[in-house]
Amino acid sequence: MKKIIGLVIVSLVFTSCQKQKIAFIDNGEVINKIQEKVDLEASYKSTLDKFNTKRDSLGKAFQMEAQKFQIEAQSMSAKKAQAKYDELGQKQQLLQQQLQYEQQQISEPFQKDMDSLISKVKKYVSNYGKTNGYDYILGTSEAGPSVLFGKEEFDLSKTIIEGLDTEYKK
């Protein structure tokens, strides 16, 4: 019995003294530099540009209508001017609601695609770590660094970006 306990202790000491393989990636760099994200942003940029053009056009048209009302209001009765003012306020509110809805319709699919991309990156990093014998792959970010220092030789960010880009091109 003493020999078995001794063997267990010796094996625990041996396994705990083994050097662990640890590396890190810069999360922001990986996400922002992979080609799939660049393409994703480019595809949504044209939709967003069209929305911004429409929003600006509607905003200018409403502003012109409001300015026209200000000039006309001087010659209107107070009751009629108040009614027109209320009508313009409702119109502005409806316009804002419509634009907010349209912006949400644009941003929701983009956010879903980004969430999917982040999940894909996490899965890739996990598989990379397992395949290459890493015990830990840590992540850094500007929001909350989990690695305060790391030798550049252990930074896998570029390797991960290249691997993800290769996989994306397939």
N, C-alpha and C. Protein backbone atom coordinates (compact mmCIF):
# COMPACT_ATOMS: atom_id res chain seq x y z
N MET A 1 0.82 -1.19 0.00
CA MET A 1 0.00 0.00 0.00
C MET A 1 0.86 1.25 0.00
N LYS A 2 1.94 1.22 0.80
CA LYS A 2 2.83 2.38 0.86
C LYS A 2 3.50 2.60 -0.49
N LYS A 3 3.81 1.51 -1.18
CA LYS A 3 4.45 1.63 -2.50
C LYS A 3 3.49 2.27 -3.50
N ILE A 4 2.23 1.93 -3.44
CA ILE A 4 1.24 2.51 -4.37
C ILE A 4 1.10 4.00 -4.11
N ILE A 5 0.99 4.39 -2.85
CA ILE A 5 0.89 5.81 -2.51
C ILE A 5 2.15 6.55 -2.95
N GLY A 6 3.29 5.94 -2.76
CA GLY A 6 4.55 6.55 -3.19
C GLY A 6 4.59 6.73 -4.69
N LEU A 7 4.13 5.73 -5.46
CA LEU A 7 4.09 5.83 -6.93
C LEU A 7 3.13 6.93 -7.39
N VAL A 8 2.00 7.05 -6.72
CA VAL A 8 1.03 8.10 -7.06
C VAL A 8 1.64 9.47 -6.82
N ILE A 9 2.31 9.63 -5.68
CA ILE A 9 2.94 10.92 -5.37
C ILE A 9 4.03 11.25 -6.38
N VAL A 10 4.87 10.27 -6.72
CA VAL A 10 5.93 10.50 -7.70
C VAL A 10 5.34 10.85 -9.05
N SER A 11 4.28 10.18 -9.47
CA SER A 11 3.67 10.49 -10.77
C SER A 11 3.03 11.88 -10.75
N LEU A 12 2.42 12.26 -9.64
CA LEU A 12 1.85 13.61 -9.53
C LEU A 12 2.93 14.68 -9.61
N VAL A 13 4.05 14.45 -8.96
CA VAL A 13 5.16 15.40 -8.99
C VAL A 13 5.68 15.52 -10.42
N PHE A 14 5.82 14.40 -11.11
CA PHE A 14 6.32 14.43 -12.49
C PHE A 14 5.37 15.20 -13.41
N THR A 15 4.08 14.90 -13.28
CA THR A 15 3.13 15.57 -14.18
C THR A 15 2.98 17.05 -13.85
N SER A 16 3.09 17.41 -12.58
CA SER A 16 2.94 18.83 -12.23
C SER A 16 4.18 19.63 -12.60
N CYS A 17 5.31 19.00 -12.78
CA CYS A 17 6.54 19.72 -13.13
C CYS A 17 6.73 19.85 -14.63
N GLN A 18 5.87 19.22 -15.42
CA GLN A 18 6.02 19.31 -16.86
C GLN A 18 5.71 20.74 -17.32
N LYS A 19 6.46 21.19 -18.31
CA LYS A 19 6.26 22.54 -18.83
C LYS A 19 4.98 22.57 -19.66
N GLN A 20 4.16 23.58 -19.42
CA GLN A 20 2.92 23.72 -20.17
C GLN A 20 3.16 24.60 -21.38
N LYS A 21 2.45 24.29 -22.44
CA LYS A 21 2.55 25.05 -23.67
C LYS A 21 1.44 26.11 -23.67
N ILE A 22 1.87 27.38 -23.61
CA ILE A 22 0.92 28.49 -23.51
C ILE A 22 1.23 29.51 -24.58
N ALA A 23 0.19 30.08 -25.18
CA ALA A 23 0.35 31.15 -26.17
C ALA A 23 -0.81 32.12 -25.98
N PHE A 24 -0.80 33.19 -26.75
CA PHE A 24 -1.89 34.14 -26.66
C PHE A 24 -2.18 34.73 -28.04
N ILE A 25 -3.37 35.30 -28.16
CA ILE A 25 -3.74 36.02 -29.39
C ILE A 25 -4.32 37.37 -28.97
N ASP A 26 -4.20 38.33 -29.85
CA ASP A 26 -4.84 39.63 -29.67
C ASP A 26 -6.22 39.52 -30.32
N ASN A 27 -7.25 39.42 -29.48
CA ASN A 27 -8.61 39.21 -29.98
C ASN A 27 -9.03 40.26 -31.01
N GLY A 28 -8.75 41.53 -30.69
CA GLY A 28 -9.14 42.61 -31.60
C GLY A 28 -8.44 42.51 -32.94
N GLU A 29 -7.16 42.21 -32.91
CA GLU A 29 -6.41 42.09 -34.16
C GLU A 29 -6.94 40.94 -35.00
N VAL A 30 -7.18 39.81 -34.36
CA VAL A 30 -7.67 38.65 -35.11
C VAL A 30 -9.02 38.95 -35.74
N ILE A 31 -9.96 39.44 -34.95
CA ILE A 31 -11.31 39.70 -35.48
C ILE A 31 -11.27 40.77 -36.57
N ASN A 32 -10.52 41.85 -36.34
CA ASN A 32 -10.54 42.97 -37.28
C ASN A 32 -9.76 42.72 -38.57
N LYS A 33 -8.81 41.80 -38.55
CA LYS A 33 -7.96 41.62 -39.72
C LYS A 33 -8.32 40.40 -40.57
N ILE A 34 -9.19 39.52 -40.09
CA ILE A 34 -9.51 38.37 -40.94
C ILE A 34 -10.36 38.83 -42.12
N GLN A 35 -10.12 38.22 -43.24
CA GLN A 35 -10.75 38.63 -44.49
C GLN A 35 -12.27 38.51 -44.43
N GLU A 36 -12.76 37.50 -43.75
CA GLU A 36 -14.20 37.29 -43.69
C GLU A 36 -14.90 38.49 -43.04
N LYS A 37 -14.30 39.08 -42.02
CA LYS A 37 -14.90 40.25 -41.37
C LYS A 37 -14.82 41.46 -42.30
N VAL A 38 -13.69 41.61 -42.97
CA VAL A 38 -13.53 42.73 -43.91
C VAL A 38 -14.62 42.64 -44.99
N ASP A 39 -14.84 41.43 -45.51
CA ASP A 39 -15.87 41.23 -46.54
C ASP A 39 -17.27 41.46 -45.98
N LEU A 40 -17.50 41.01 -44.76
CA LEU A 40 -18.80 41.18 -44.11
C LEU A 40 -19.10 42.67 -43.94
N GLU A 41 -18.15 43.43 -43.47
CA GLU A 41 -18.35 44.87 -43.30
C GLU A 41 -18.58 45.56 -44.64
N ALA A 42 -17.85 45.12 -45.66
CA ALA A 42 -18.02 45.73 -46.99
C ALA A 42 -19.42 45.46 -47.53
N SER A 43 -19.93 44.25 -47.30
CA SER A 43 -21.26 43.94 -47.82
C SER A 43 -22.34 44.76 -47.12
N TYR A 44 -22.17 45.02 -45.84
CA TYR A 44 -23.16 45.83 -45.12
C TYR A 44 -22.94 47.32 -45.33
N LYS A 45 -21.76 47.72 -45.73
CA LYS A 45 -21.46 49.14 -45.91
C LYS A 45 -22.35 49.75 -46.99
N SER A 46 -22.54 49.05 -48.10
CA SER A 46 -23.37 49.61 -49.17
C SER A 46 -24.81 49.77 -48.71
N THR A 47 -25.33 48.81 -47.95
CA THR A 47 -26.69 48.90 -47.41
C THR A 47 -26.79 50.07 -46.45
N LEU A 48 -25.79 50.21 -45.60
CA LEU A 48 -25.77 51.30 -44.63
C LEU A 48 -25.64 52.66 -45.32
N ASP A 49 -24.83 52.71 -46.38
CA ASP A 49 -24.68 53.96 -47.13
C ASP A 49 -26.01 54.38 -47.76
N LYS A 50 -26.74 53.41 -48.32
CA LYS A 50 -28.06 53.71 -48.91
C LYS A 50 -29.01 54.22 -47.84
N PHE A 51 -28.99 53.58 -46.68
CA PHE A 51 -29.85 54.02 -45.58
C PHE A 51 -29.49 55.44 -45.15
N ASN A 52 -28.20 55.72 -45.00
CA ASN A 52 -27.77 57.06 -44.58
C ASN A 52 -28.18 58.12 -45.59
N THR A 53 -28.08 57.81 -46.88
CA THR A 53 -28.50 58.74 -47.93
C THR A 53 -30.00 59.01 -47.82
N LYS A 54 -30.78 57.93 -47.63
CA LYS A 54 -32.23 58.08 -47.49
C LYS A 54 -32.57 58.89 -46.25
N ARG A 55 -31.90 58.60 -45.13
CA ARG A 55 -32.15 59.31 -43.88
C ARG A 55 -31.85 60.81 -44.05
N ASP A 56 -30.72 61.11 -44.68
CA ASP A 56 -30.34 62.51 -44.89
C ASP A 56 -31.35 63.22 -45.79
N SER A 57 -31.79 62.54 -46.83
CA SER A 57 -32.75 63.12 -47.77
C SER A 57 -34.09 63.40 -47.07
N LEU A 58 -34.58 62.42 -46.31
CA LEU A 58 -35.84 62.62 -45.59
C LEU A 58 -35.69 63.72 -44.54
N GLY A 59 -34.56 63.77 -43.89
CA GLY A 59 -34.30 64.80 -42.88
C GLY A 59 -34.30 66.19 -43.49
N LYS A 60 -33.67 66.34 -44.64
CA LYS A 60 -33.63 67.64 -45.31
C LYS A 60 -35.02 68.05 -45.78
N ALA A 61 -35.77 67.07 -46.31
CA ALA A 61 -37.13 67.38 -46.78
C ALA A 61 -38.00 67.83 -45.61
N PHE A 62 -37.88 67.16 -44.48
CA PHE A 62 -38.67 67.56 -43.31
C PHE A 62 -38.24 68.93 -42.81
N GLN A 63 -36.95 69.17 -42.81
CA GLN A 63 -36.43 70.46 -42.35
C GLN A 63 -36.96 71.59 -43.25
N MET A 64 -37.01 71.37 -44.56
CA MET A 64 -37.53 72.38 -45.48
C MET A 64 -39.02 72.63 -45.22
N GLU A 65 -39.75 71.53 -44.96
CA GLU A 65 -41.17 71.67 -44.66
C GLU A 65 -41.37 72.47 -43.37
N ALA A 66 -40.53 72.22 -42.38
CA ALA A 66 -40.64 72.94 -41.11
C ALA A 66 -40.31 74.42 -41.29
N GLN A 67 -39.31 74.71 -42.10
CA GLN A 67 -38.96 76.11 -42.36
C GLN A 67 -40.08 76.83 -43.11
N LYS A 68 -40.68 76.11 -44.06
CA LYS A 68 -41.79 76.69 -44.81
C LYS A 68 -42.96 76.99 -43.86
N PHE A 69 -43.19 76.07 -42.94
CA PHE A 69 -44.26 76.28 -41.95
C PHE A 69 -43.98 77.51 -41.09
N GLN A 70 -42.74 77.69 -40.68
CA GLN A 70 -42.41 78.85 -39.83
C GLN A 70 -42.74 80.16 -40.54
N ILE A 71 -42.48 80.20 -41.82
CA ILE A 71 -42.79 81.41 -42.59
C ILE A 71 -44.30 81.58 -42.71
N GLU A 72 -45.01 80.48 -43.02
CA GLU A 72 -46.46 80.53 -43.19
C GLU A 72 -47.18 80.77 -41.86
N ALA A 73 -46.61 80.31 -40.76
CA ALA A 73 -47.26 80.42 -39.45
C ALA A 73 -47.48 81.86 -39.04
N GLN A 74 -46.66 82.75 -39.55
CA GLN A 74 -46.80 84.16 -39.19
C GLN A 74 -48.12 84.75 -39.70
N SER A 75 -48.62 84.20 -40.78
CA SER A 75 -49.87 84.73 -41.35
C SER A 75 -51.09 83.89 -40.97
N MET A 76 -50.90 82.84 -40.15
CA MET A 76 -52.00 81.96 -39.74
C MET A 76 -52.55 82.40 -38.38
N SER A 77 -53.78 81.94 -38.15
CA SER A 77 -54.33 82.15 -36.81
C SER A 77 -53.59 81.24 -35.83
N ALA A 78 -53.63 81.59 -34.57
CA ALA A 78 -52.90 80.81 -33.56
C ALA A 78 -53.40 79.37 -33.51
N LYS A 79 -54.72 79.19 -33.65
CA LYS A 79 -55.31 77.85 -33.60
C LYS A 79 -54.85 77.01 -34.78
N LYS A 80 -54.87 77.60 -35.96
CA LYS A 80 -54.47 76.89 -37.18
C LYS A 80 -52.96 76.59 -37.15
N ALA A 81 -52.18 77.53 -36.66
CA ALA A 81 -50.73 77.34 -36.56
C ALA A 81 -50.42 76.22 -35.57
N GLN A 82 -51.14 76.17 -34.46
CA GLN A 82 -50.92 75.11 -33.46
C GLN A 82 -51.27 73.74 -34.05
N ALA A 83 -52.35 73.67 -34.81
CA ALA A 83 -52.77 72.41 -35.44
C ALA A 83 -51.70 71.93 -36.42
N LYS A 84 -51.19 72.85 -37.22
CA LYS A 84 -50.15 72.51 -38.19
C LYS A 84 -48.86 72.11 -37.46
N TYR A 85 -48.56 72.81 -36.37
CA TYR A 85 -47.37 72.48 -35.56
C TYR A 85 -47.49 71.07 -34.99
N ASP A 86 -48.68 70.73 -34.47
CA ASP A 86 -48.91 69.38 -33.93
C ASP A 86 -48.77 68.32 -35.03
N GLU A 87 -49.29 68.65 -36.21
CA GLU A 87 -49.20 67.73 -37.35
C GLU A 87 -47.73 67.49 -37.73
N LEU A 88 -46.94 68.54 -37.75
CA LEU A 88 -45.51 68.39 -38.05
C LEU A 88 -44.80 67.58 -36.97
N GLY A 89 -45.17 67.77 -35.72
CA GLY A 89 -44.57 67.00 -34.63
C GLY A 89 -44.85 65.51 -34.78
N GLN A 90 -46.10 65.17 -35.13
CA GLN A 90 -46.45 63.77 -35.35
C GLN A 90 -45.69 63.19 -36.55
N LYS A 91 -45.60 64.00 -37.58
CA LYS A 91 -44.88 63.56 -38.78
C LYS A 91 -43.42 63.29 -38.45
N GLN A 92 -42.82 64.17 -37.66
CA GLN A 92 -41.41 63.99 -37.26
C GLN A 92 -41.26 62.71 -36.44
N GLN A 93 -42.17 62.48 -35.52
CA GLN A 93 -42.10 61.30 -34.68
C GLN A 93 -42.23 60.02 -35.52
N LEU A 94 -43.17 60.01 -36.46
CA LEU A 94 -43.33 58.85 -37.34
C LEU A 94 -42.10 58.62 -38.20
N LEU A 95 -41.52 59.69 -38.68
CA LEU A 95 -40.31 59.60 -39.49
C LEU A 95 -39.16 59.01 -38.67
N GLN A 96 -39.00 59.46 -37.44
CA GLN A 96 -37.95 58.94 -36.58
C GLN A 96 -38.17 57.45 -36.28
N GLN A 97 -39.42 57.07 -36.03
CA GLN A 97 -39.73 55.66 -35.76
C GLN A 97 -39.43 54.80 -36.99
N GLN A 98 -39.78 55.30 -38.16
CA GLN A 98 -39.53 54.55 -39.40
C GLN A 98 -38.04 54.37 -39.61
N LEU A 99 -37.28 55.42 -39.42
CA LEU A 99 -35.83 55.34 -39.62
C LEU A 99 -35.18 54.43 -38.58
N GLN A 100 -35.65 54.49 -37.36
CA GLN A 100 -35.12 53.62 -36.31
C GLN A 100 -35.40 52.16 -36.65
N TYR A 101 -36.62 51.88 -37.14
CA TYR A 101 -36.98 50.51 -37.52
C TYR A 101 -36.08 50.02 -38.67
N GLU A 102 -35.90 50.86 -39.67
CA GLU A 102 -35.06 50.47 -40.81
C GLU A 102 -33.61 50.23 -40.39
N GLN A 103 -33.11 51.07 -39.50
CA GLN A 103 -31.74 50.90 -39.03
C GLN A 103 -31.61 49.58 -38.26
N GLN A 104 -32.63 49.26 -37.49
CA GLN A 104 -32.63 48.00 -36.75
C GLN A 104 -32.67 46.81 -37.72
N GLN A 105 -33.42 46.94 -38.79
CA GLN A 105 -33.51 45.87 -39.80
C GLN A 105 -32.16 45.65 -40.48
N ILE A 106 -31.35 46.67 -40.54
CA ILE A 106 -30.01 46.56 -41.12
C ILE A 106 -29.03 45.99 -40.11
N SER A 107 -29.11 46.47 -38.88
CA SER A 107 -28.10 46.08 -37.89
C SER A 107 -28.29 44.68 -37.32
N GLU A 108 -29.51 44.19 -37.22
CA GLU A 108 -29.74 42.86 -36.65
C GLU A 108 -29.05 41.74 -37.44
N PRO A 109 -29.22 41.68 -38.76
CA PRO A 109 -28.51 40.61 -39.50
C PRO A 109 -27.00 40.75 -39.41
N PHE A 110 -26.52 41.99 -39.42
CA PHE A 110 -25.08 42.21 -39.31
C PHE A 110 -24.57 41.68 -37.97
N GLN A 111 -25.30 41.98 -36.89
CA GLN A 111 -24.89 41.51 -35.56
C GLN A 111 -24.92 39.99 -35.49
N LYS A 112 -25.93 39.38 -36.10
CA LYS A 112 -26.00 37.91 -36.12
C LYS A 112 -24.79 37.33 -36.85
N ASP A 113 -24.45 37.95 -37.98
CA ASP A 113 -23.29 37.48 -38.75
C ASP A 113 -22.00 37.66 -37.96
N MET A 114 -21.89 38.78 -37.23
CA MET A 114 -20.69 39.01 -36.41
C MET A 114 -20.61 38.00 -35.26
N ASP A 115 -21.74 37.71 -34.63
CA ASP A 115 -21.75 36.72 -33.56
C ASP A 115 -21.34 35.35 -34.09
N SER A 116 -21.82 35.02 -35.27
CA SER A 116 -21.46 33.76 -35.91
C SER A 116 -19.96 33.72 -36.22
N LEU A 117 -19.43 34.83 -36.68
CA LEU A 117 -18.01 34.92 -37.00
C LEU A 117 -17.17 34.76 -35.73
N ILE A 118 -17.57 35.39 -34.65
CA ILE A 118 -16.82 35.27 -33.39
C ILE A 118 -16.85 33.83 -32.89
N SER A 119 -17.99 33.18 -33.01
CA SER A 119 -18.08 31.76 -32.63
C SER A 119 -17.15 30.91 -33.48
N LYS A 120 -17.10 31.23 -34.76
CA LYS A 120 -16.23 30.50 -35.68
C LYS A 120 -14.76 30.67 -35.29
N VAL A 121 -14.37 31.89 -34.92
CA VAL A 121 -13.00 32.17 -34.50
C VAL A 121 -12.68 31.38 -33.22
N LYS A 122 -13.59 31.41 -32.26
CA LYS A 122 -13.37 30.67 -31.00
C LYS A 122 -13.18 29.18 -31.28
N LYS A 123 -14.01 28.64 -32.14
CA LYS A 123 -13.91 27.22 -32.47
C LYS A 123 -12.59 26.92 -33.17
N TYR A 124 -12.19 27.80 -34.08
CA TYR A 124 -10.93 27.61 -34.80
C TYR A 124 -9.76 27.65 -33.83
N VAL A 125 -9.74 28.62 -32.91
CA VAL A 125 -8.65 28.73 -31.94
C VAL A 125 -8.62 27.50 -31.05
N SER A 126 -9.78 27.03 -30.64
CA SER A 126 -9.84 25.83 -29.81
C SER A 126 -9.27 24.62 -30.55
N ASN A 127 -9.68 24.45 -31.79
CA ASN A 127 -9.16 23.33 -32.59
C ASN A 127 -7.67 23.47 -32.85
N TYR A 128 -7.22 24.71 -33.10
CA TYR A 128 -5.81 24.97 -33.32
C TYR A 128 -5.01 24.59 -32.08
N GLY A 129 -5.51 24.98 -30.92
CA GLY A 129 -4.83 24.66 -29.67
C GLY A 129 -4.73 23.16 -29.44
N LYS A 130 -5.81 22.46 -29.68
CA LYS A 130 -5.81 21.00 -29.49
C LYS A 130 -4.87 20.33 -30.48
N THR A 131 -4.94 20.73 -31.74
CA THR A 131 -4.12 20.13 -32.79
C THR A 131 -2.63 20.36 -32.57
N ASN A 132 -2.29 21.54 -32.04
CA ASN A 132 -0.88 21.89 -31.88
C ASN A 132 -0.35 21.72 -30.45
N GLY A 133 -1.10 21.05 -29.63
CA GLY A 133 -0.62 20.67 -28.31
C GLY A 133 -0.51 21.79 -27.28
N TYR A 134 -1.33 22.81 -27.40
CA TYR A 134 -1.30 23.90 -26.42
C TYR A 134 -2.14 23.52 -25.21
N ASP A 135 -1.66 23.90 -24.04
CA ASP A 135 -2.44 23.72 -22.83
C ASP A 135 -3.39 24.90 -22.66
N TYR A 136 -2.92 26.08 -23.03
CA TYR A 136 -3.73 27.29 -22.94
C TYR A 136 -3.42 28.20 -24.12
N ILE A 137 -4.48 28.82 -24.65
CA ILE A 137 -4.31 29.94 -25.57
C ILE A 137 -5.15 31.06 -24.95
N LEU A 138 -4.48 32.09 -24.52
CA LEU A 138 -5.12 33.21 -23.84
C LEU A 138 -5.44 34.31 -24.84
N GLY A 139 -6.33 35.20 -24.47
CA GLY A 139 -6.70 36.29 -25.36
C GLY A 139 -6.47 37.63 -24.70
N THR A 140 -6.04 38.60 -25.50
CA THR A 140 -5.90 39.97 -25.02
C THR A 140 -6.91 40.84 -25.75
N SER A 141 -7.30 41.92 -25.09
CA SER A 141 -8.18 42.89 -25.74
C SER A 141 -8.02 44.22 -25.02
N GLU A 142 -8.40 45.29 -25.70
CA GLU A 142 -8.28 46.61 -25.10
C GLU A 142 -9.29 46.79 -23.97
N ALA A 143 -10.42 46.14 -24.07
CA ALA A 143 -11.48 46.31 -23.07
C ALA A 143 -11.09 45.72 -21.71
N GLY A 144 -10.41 44.61 -21.73
CA GLY A 144 -10.06 43.97 -20.47
C GLY A 144 -8.98 42.94 -20.71
N PRO A 145 -7.73 43.37 -20.64
CA PRO A 145 -6.65 42.44 -20.97
C PRO A 145 -6.58 41.29 -19.97
N SER A 146 -6.48 40.10 -20.51
CA SER A 146 -6.28 38.94 -19.66
C SER A 146 -4.82 38.51 -19.71
N VAL A 147 -4.05 39.11 -20.62
CA VAL A 147 -2.62 38.87 -20.69
C VAL A 147 -1.95 40.24 -20.63
N LEU A 148 -1.20 40.46 -19.59
CA LEU A 148 -0.54 41.75 -19.45
C LEU A 148 0.82 41.77 -20.13
N PHE A 149 1.40 40.61 -20.32
CA PHE A 149 2.67 40.52 -21.01
C PHE A 149 2.75 39.17 -21.70
N GLY A 150 3.35 39.17 -22.85
CA GLY A 150 3.60 37.92 -23.55
C GLY A 150 4.71 38.13 -24.56
N LYS A 151 5.64 37.18 -24.60
CA LYS A 151 6.71 37.26 -25.59
C LYS A 151 6.08 37.13 -26.97
N GLU A 152 6.62 37.91 -27.91
CA GLU A 152 6.06 37.89 -29.26
C GLU A 152 6.08 36.50 -29.88
N GLU A 153 7.04 35.70 -29.51
CA GLU A 153 7.14 34.35 -30.08
C GLU A 153 5.95 33.49 -29.69
N PHE A 154 5.22 33.88 -28.65
CA PHE A 154 4.05 33.12 -28.23
C PHE A 154 2.74 33.74 -28.73
N ASP A 155 2.84 34.82 -29.51
CA ASP A 155 1.66 35.49 -30.05
C ASP A 155 1.23 34.76 -31.32
N LEU A 156 0.09 34.13 -31.27
CA LEU A 156 -0.42 33.36 -32.40
C LEU A 156 -1.39 34.15 -33.27
N SER A 157 -1.54 35.44 -33.01
CA SER A 157 -2.55 36.23 -33.73
C SER A 157 -2.40 36.11 -35.24
N LYS A 158 -1.21 36.33 -35.77
CA LYS A 158 -1.01 36.28 -37.22
C LYS A 158 -1.26 34.87 -37.76
N THR A 159 -0.82 33.86 -37.03
CA THR A 159 -1.03 32.48 -37.45
C THR A 159 -2.52 32.17 -37.51
N ILE A 160 -3.27 32.63 -36.52
CA ILE A 160 -4.71 32.40 -36.47
C ILE A 160 -5.40 33.14 -37.62
N ILE A 161 -5.00 34.39 -37.86
CA ILE A 161 -5.58 35.16 -38.97
C ILE A 161 -5.34 34.44 -40.29
N GLU A 162 -4.11 34.01 -40.53
CA GLU A 162 -3.77 33.31 -41.77
C GLU A 162 -4.58 32.03 -41.91
N GLY A 163 -4.71 31.28 -40.84
CA GLY A 163 -5.49 30.04 -40.89
C GLY A 163 -6.95 30.28 -41.17
N LEU A 164 -7.53 31.28 -40.51
CA LEU A 164 -8.93 31.61 -40.75
C LEU A 164 -9.15 32.11 -42.18
N ASP A 165 -8.22 32.93 -42.68
CA ASP A 165 -8.35 33.42 -44.05
C ASP A 165 -8.25 32.27 -45.06
N THR A 166 -7.36 31.34 -44.80
CA THR A 166 -7.23 30.18 -45.70
C THR A 166 -8.51 29.37 -45.68
N GLU A 167 -9.06 29.15 -44.50
CA GLU A 167 -10.29 28.39 -44.37
C GLU A 167 -11.45 29.14 -45.04
N TYR A 168 -11.48 30.46 -44.92
CA TYR A 168 -12.55 31.28 -45.51
C TYR A 168 -12.50 31.23 -47.03
N LYS A 169 -11.29 31.23 -47.59
CA LYS A 169 -11.13 31.24 -49.06
C LYS A 169 -11.62 29.93 -49.68
N LYS A 170 -11.60 28.85 -48.88
CA LYS A 170 -12.10 27.58 -49.38
C LYS A 170 -13.58 27.69 -49.61
